[in-house]
Amino acid sequence: MVGNIKISKTEQGIYKVEIENEDHTLGNLLSTVLQGLQGVNIAYYEIPHPLENKLIIYIDLEEGIDPKEKLIEALKKIKEINLEFRDKYLQKIKEMNINIED
C-alpha cells in the first residue's frame, strides 16, 4: 500500500516526488508514462537504498506546469492502459472458449 507522498523542488528546478512503501514496479511504470506526457522534459526514478522502502521520482517540467497535475494525468493514463489490456485479454479468452472462473 502506498505510504506518504512528498513533493519538493530541487535547487536545479526539478521536482522530487518521494513515495513511501513503493519499489521499482511503480517507479519504472510511472516514470515511463510521465516521459510520454506533454510538458514533461524528463522523468526518472531511483530507489535510494535497498533497506529504505522508498521510491523517488524526479520530474523536469516545462515552466508553469503543476507536478501534482502531471502525476494525476500519468496515473489516469496507467489506469486506461490497464483497462485496455484487461478488455483485450478477456476478449481473447472468450474467443478461445477458455473458462477462467473456478
N, C-alpha and C. Protein backbone atom coordinates (compact mmCIF):
# COMPACT_ATOMS: atom_id res chain seq x y z
N MET A 1 0.84 -1.18 0.00
CA MET A 1 0.00 0.00 0.00
C MET A 1 0.89 1.24 0.00
N VAL A 2 0.52 2.22 -0.79
CA VAL A 2 1.29 3.45 -0.89
C VAL A 2 1.28 4.18 0.45
N GLY A 3 2.45 4.66 0.84
CA GLY A 3 2.57 5.42 2.07
C GLY A 3 2.49 6.91 1.77
N ASN A 4 3.19 7.67 2.57
CA ASN A 4 3.22 9.12 2.40
C ASN A 4 3.85 9.51 1.08
N ILE A 5 3.36 10.61 0.52
CA ILE A 5 3.92 11.17 -0.71
C ILE A 5 4.32 12.60 -0.43
N LYS A 6 5.59 12.93 -0.75
CA LYS A 6 6.08 14.30 -0.56
C LYS A 6 6.61 14.82 -1.89
N ILE A 7 6.24 16.05 -2.23
CA ILE A 7 6.74 16.68 -3.45
C ILE A 7 7.54 17.91 -3.05
N SER A 8 8.75 17.99 -3.56
CA SER A 8 9.60 19.15 -3.31
C SER A 8 10.30 19.52 -4.61
N LYS A 9 11.01 20.64 -4.58
CA LYS A 9 11.72 21.11 -5.77
C LYS A 9 13.20 21.21 -5.43
N THR A 10 14.05 20.66 -6.30
CA THR A 10 15.48 20.71 -6.07
C THR A 10 16.03 22.08 -6.46
N GLU A 11 17.28 22.33 -6.13
CA GLU A 11 17.92 23.60 -6.50
C GLU A 11 17.98 23.79 -8.01
N GLN A 12 18.01 22.67 -8.75
CA GLN A 12 18.07 22.73 -10.22
C GLN A 12 16.69 22.93 -10.85
N GLY A 13 15.65 22.99 -10.04
CA GLY A 13 14.30 23.21 -10.55
C GLY A 13 13.58 21.94 -10.94
N ILE A 14 14.12 20.79 -10.56
CA ILE A 14 13.49 19.51 -10.86
C ILE A 14 12.65 19.09 -9.66
N TYR A 15 11.45 18.60 -9.95
CA TYR A 15 10.57 18.16 -8.87
C TYR A 15 11.00 16.78 -8.39
N LYS A 16 10.95 16.60 -7.09
CA LYS A 16 11.33 15.35 -6.44
C LYS A 16 10.09 14.83 -5.73
N VAL A 17 9.62 13.66 -6.14
CA VAL A 17 8.43 13.05 -5.56
C VAL A 17 8.88 11.82 -4.78
N GLU A 18 8.72 11.86 -3.47
CA GLU A 18 9.09 10.73 -2.61
C GLU A 18 7.83 9.97 -2.23
N ILE A 19 7.86 8.67 -2.50
CA ILE A 19 6.71 7.81 -2.21
C ILE A 19 7.19 6.67 -1.33
N GLU A 20 6.62 6.58 -0.15
CA GLU A 20 6.98 5.51 0.77
C GLU A 20 6.27 4.21 0.40
N ASN A 21 6.90 3.10 0.74
CA ASN A 21 6.34 1.76 0.55
C ASN A 21 6.11 1.38 -0.91
N GLU A 22 6.94 1.89 -1.80
CA GLU A 22 6.86 1.51 -3.21
C GLU A 22 8.26 1.15 -3.70
N ASP A 23 8.30 0.45 -4.85
CA ASP A 23 9.57 -0.03 -5.36
C ASP A 23 9.70 0.19 -6.86
N HIS A 24 10.56 -0.60 -7.51
CA HIS A 24 10.84 -0.45 -8.93
C HIS A 24 9.60 -0.62 -9.81
N THR A 25 8.66 -1.42 -9.38
CA THR A 25 7.47 -1.68 -10.20
C THR A 25 6.75 -0.37 -10.51
N LEU A 26 6.40 0.37 -9.49
CA LEU A 26 5.71 1.65 -9.71
C LEU A 26 6.68 2.69 -10.29
N GLY A 27 7.92 2.69 -9.83
CA GLY A 27 8.89 3.67 -10.31
C GLY A 27 9.09 3.60 -11.81
N ASN A 28 9.30 2.41 -12.32
CA ASN A 28 9.52 2.24 -13.75
C ASN A 28 8.28 2.61 -14.56
N LEU A 29 7.14 2.12 -14.13
CA LEU A 29 5.89 2.39 -14.83
C LEU A 29 5.56 3.88 -14.83
N LEU A 30 5.60 4.50 -13.68
CA LEU A 30 5.22 5.90 -13.56
C LEU A 30 6.20 6.82 -14.31
N SER A 31 7.48 6.58 -14.18
CA SER A 31 8.45 7.44 -14.87
C SER A 31 8.35 7.28 -16.38
N THR A 32 8.10 6.05 -16.85
CA THR A 32 7.95 5.81 -18.29
C THR A 32 6.73 6.54 -18.85
N VAL A 33 5.60 6.45 -18.16
CA VAL A 33 4.39 7.13 -18.62
C VAL A 33 4.56 8.64 -18.55
N LEU A 34 5.18 9.13 -17.48
CA LEU A 34 5.41 10.58 -17.36
C LEU A 34 6.22 11.11 -18.54
N GLN A 35 7.22 10.35 -18.98
CA GLN A 35 8.07 10.80 -20.08
C GLN A 35 7.29 11.02 -21.37
N GLY A 36 6.17 10.32 -21.53
CA GLY A 36 5.37 10.46 -22.73
C GLY A 36 4.34 11.58 -22.69
N LEU A 37 4.25 12.27 -21.56
CA LEU A 37 3.26 13.33 -21.43
C LEU A 37 3.79 14.67 -21.90
N GLN A 38 2.91 15.45 -22.49
CA GLN A 38 3.28 16.78 -22.95
C GLN A 38 3.64 17.65 -21.75
N GLY A 39 4.71 18.40 -21.87
CA GLY A 39 5.15 19.29 -20.81
C GLY A 39 6.18 18.68 -19.88
N VAL A 40 6.45 17.39 -20.05
CA VAL A 40 7.46 16.72 -19.24
C VAL A 40 8.73 16.61 -20.07
N ASN A 41 9.79 17.24 -19.59
CA ASN A 41 11.07 17.18 -20.30
C ASN A 41 11.77 15.85 -20.05
N ILE A 42 11.78 15.42 -18.82
CA ILE A 42 12.39 14.14 -18.45
C ILE A 42 11.80 13.67 -17.13
N ALA A 43 11.74 12.37 -16.98
CA ALA A 43 11.29 11.77 -15.72
C ALA A 43 12.09 10.49 -15.50
N TYR A 44 12.55 10.31 -14.31
CA TYR A 44 13.28 9.09 -13.96
C TYR A 44 13.09 8.82 -12.48
N TYR A 45 13.51 7.64 -12.05
CA TYR A 45 13.31 7.29 -10.65
C TYR A 45 14.55 6.62 -10.09
N GLU A 46 14.57 6.53 -8.76
CA GLU A 46 15.62 5.79 -8.08
C GLU A 46 15.06 5.23 -6.78
N ILE A 47 15.70 4.16 -6.36
CA ILE A 47 15.46 3.60 -5.03
C ILE A 47 16.73 3.94 -4.26
N PRO A 48 16.65 4.83 -3.26
CA PRO A 48 17.86 5.33 -2.60
C PRO A 48 18.74 4.23 -2.00
N HIS A 49 18.12 3.25 -1.37
CA HIS A 49 18.88 2.17 -0.74
C HIS A 49 17.95 0.97 -0.59
N PRO A 50 18.47 -0.25 -0.78
CA PRO A 50 17.61 -1.43 -0.68
C PRO A 50 16.91 -1.60 0.67
N LEU A 51 17.50 -1.06 1.71
CA LEU A 51 16.88 -1.19 3.03
C LEU A 51 15.87 -0.07 3.33
N GLU A 52 15.85 0.94 2.48
CA GLU A 52 14.86 2.02 2.61
C GLU A 52 13.69 1.67 1.72
N ASN A 53 12.53 1.61 2.27
CA ASN A 53 11.34 1.27 1.50
C ASN A 53 10.74 2.55 0.92
N LYS A 54 11.50 3.14 -0.03
CA LYS A 54 11.09 4.44 -0.58
C LYS A 54 11.48 4.53 -2.05
N LEU A 55 10.61 5.15 -2.82
CA LEU A 55 10.81 5.41 -4.23
C LEU A 55 10.92 6.92 -4.42
N ILE A 56 11.86 7.35 -5.24
CA ILE A 56 11.97 8.78 -5.55
C ILE A 56 11.87 8.94 -7.06
N ILE A 57 10.93 9.76 -7.49
CA ILE A 57 10.75 10.07 -8.91
C ILE A 57 11.15 11.53 -9.12
N TYR A 58 11.98 11.76 -10.12
CA TYR A 58 12.40 13.12 -10.48
C TYR A 58 11.70 13.49 -11.78
N ILE A 59 11.13 14.71 -11.80
CA ILE A 59 10.38 15.17 -12.97
C ILE A 59 10.84 16.59 -13.33
N ASP A 60 11.31 16.75 -14.54
CA ASP A 60 11.67 18.08 -15.05
C ASP A 60 10.52 18.52 -15.96
N LEU A 61 9.83 19.57 -15.55
CA LEU A 61 8.65 20.05 -16.27
C LEU A 61 8.91 21.39 -16.94
N GLU A 62 8.14 21.65 -17.98
CA GLU A 62 8.17 22.97 -18.59
C GLU A 62 7.61 23.97 -17.59
N GLU A 63 7.97 25.21 -17.77
CA GLU A 63 7.58 26.29 -16.85
C GLU A 63 6.05 26.37 -16.72
N GLY A 64 5.59 26.51 -15.49
CA GLY A 64 4.17 26.73 -15.22
C GLY A 64 3.32 25.48 -15.10
N ILE A 65 3.92 24.31 -15.18
CA ILE A 65 3.16 23.07 -15.08
C ILE A 65 3.21 22.56 -13.64
N ASP A 66 2.05 22.18 -13.13
CA ASP A 66 1.93 21.68 -11.76
C ASP A 66 2.30 20.20 -11.71
N PRO A 67 3.26 19.83 -10.88
CA PRO A 67 3.67 18.41 -10.81
C PRO A 67 2.55 17.48 -10.34
N LYS A 68 1.68 17.97 -9.46
CA LYS A 68 0.57 17.14 -9.00
C LYS A 68 -0.36 16.79 -10.16
N GLU A 69 -0.63 17.77 -11.02
CA GLU A 69 -1.50 17.53 -12.17
C GLU A 69 -0.88 16.51 -13.12
N LYS A 70 0.43 16.59 -13.32
CA LYS A 70 1.11 15.63 -14.20
C LYS A 70 1.11 14.23 -13.60
N LEU A 71 1.27 14.13 -12.30
CA LEU A 71 1.21 12.82 -11.65
C LEU A 71 -0.18 12.21 -11.79
N ILE A 72 -1.20 13.02 -11.59
CA ILE A 72 -2.58 12.54 -11.74
C ILE A 72 -2.84 12.13 -13.18
N GLU A 73 -2.37 12.92 -14.14
CA GLU A 73 -2.53 12.59 -15.55
C GLU A 73 -1.85 11.26 -15.88
N ALA A 74 -0.65 11.05 -15.36
CA ALA A 74 0.08 9.81 -15.59
C ALA A 74 -0.66 8.62 -14.98
N LEU A 75 -1.17 8.79 -13.77
CA LEU A 75 -1.91 7.69 -13.12
C LEU A 75 -3.19 7.35 -13.87
N LYS A 76 -3.87 8.37 -14.40
CA LYS A 76 -5.06 8.12 -15.20
C LYS A 76 -4.70 7.36 -16.48
N LYS A 77 -3.57 7.72 -17.09
CA LYS A 77 -3.10 7.04 -18.29
C LYS A 77 -2.78 5.57 -17.99
N ILE A 78 -2.14 5.32 -16.85
CA ILE A 78 -1.83 3.95 -16.44
C ILE A 78 -3.12 3.16 -16.26
N LYS A 79 -4.12 3.78 -15.67
CA LYS A 79 -5.41 3.10 -15.47
C LYS A 79 -6.06 2.77 -16.82
N GLU A 80 -5.98 3.70 -17.78
CA GLU A 80 -6.53 3.46 -19.12
C GLU A 80 -5.82 2.29 -19.79
N ILE A 81 -4.49 2.26 -19.70
CA ILE A 81 -3.70 1.19 -20.30
C ILE A 81 -4.09 -0.15 -19.68
N ASN A 82 -4.24 -0.15 -18.36
CA ASN A 82 -4.61 -1.37 -17.65
C ASN A 82 -5.99 -1.87 -18.08
N LEU A 83 -6.95 -0.98 -18.17
CA LEU A 83 -8.29 -1.37 -18.58
C LEU A 83 -8.32 -1.88 -20.02
N GLU A 84 -7.56 -1.24 -20.88
CA GLU A 84 -7.48 -1.67 -22.28
C GLU A 84 -6.88 -3.08 -22.37
N PHE A 85 -5.82 -3.32 -21.61
CA PHE A 85 -5.20 -4.63 -21.59
C PHE A 85 -6.18 -5.68 -21.07
N ARG A 86 -6.87 -5.35 -20.00
CA ARG A 86 -7.84 -6.27 -19.40
C ARG A 86 -8.93 -6.64 -20.40
N ASP A 87 -9.47 -5.62 -21.09
CA ASP A 87 -10.53 -5.88 -22.06
C ASP A 87 -10.05 -6.78 -23.19
N LYS A 88 -8.87 -6.51 -23.70
CA LYS A 88 -8.32 -7.34 -24.79
C LYS A 88 -8.05 -8.76 -24.31
N TYR A 89 -7.55 -8.90 -23.10
CA TYR A 89 -7.27 -10.21 -22.53
C TYR A 89 -8.56 -11.02 -22.38
N LEU A 90 -9.58 -10.40 -21.80
CA LEU A 90 -10.85 -11.09 -21.61
C LEU A 90 -11.51 -11.44 -22.94
N GLN A 91 -11.39 -10.56 -23.92
CA GLN A 91 -11.95 -10.84 -25.24
C GLN A 91 -11.26 -12.05 -25.87
N LYS A 92 -9.96 -12.12 -25.77
CA LYS A 92 -9.20 -13.23 -26.35
C LYS A 92 -9.57 -14.54 -25.65
N ILE A 93 -9.71 -14.51 -24.36
CA ILE A 93 -10.10 -15.70 -23.61
C ILE A 93 -11.49 -16.18 -24.06
N LYS A 94 -12.38 -15.22 -24.26
CA LYS A 94 -13.73 -15.55 -24.71
C LYS A 94 -13.68 -16.18 -26.10
N GLU A 95 -12.87 -15.61 -27.00
CA GLU A 95 -12.73 -16.15 -28.35
C GLU A 95 -12.19 -17.58 -28.35
N MET A 96 -11.36 -17.89 -27.38
CA MET A 96 -10.73 -19.20 -27.31
C MET A 96 -11.54 -20.19 -26.47
N ASN A 97 -12.71 -19.77 -25.99
CA ASN A 97 -13.60 -20.60 -25.16
C ASN A 97 -12.89 -21.14 -23.93
N ILE A 98 -12.15 -20.29 -23.28
CA ILE A 98 -11.45 -20.67 -22.05
C ILE A 98 -12.25 -20.13 -20.87
N ASN A 99 -12.52 -21.02 -19.91
CA ASN A 99 -13.25 -20.62 -18.72
C ASN A 99 -12.23 -20.28 -17.62
N ILE A 100 -12.20 -19.04 -17.16
CA ILE A 100 -11.24 -18.64 -16.14
C ILE A 100 -11.87 -18.55 -14.76
N GLU A 101 -13.14 -18.82 -14.65
CA GLU A 101 -13.82 -18.75 -13.37
C GLU A 101 -13.87 -20.15 -12.75
N ASP A 102 -13.29 -20.28 -11.57
CA ASP A 102 -13.31 -21.56 -10.85
C ASP A 102 -13.87 -21.37 -9.48
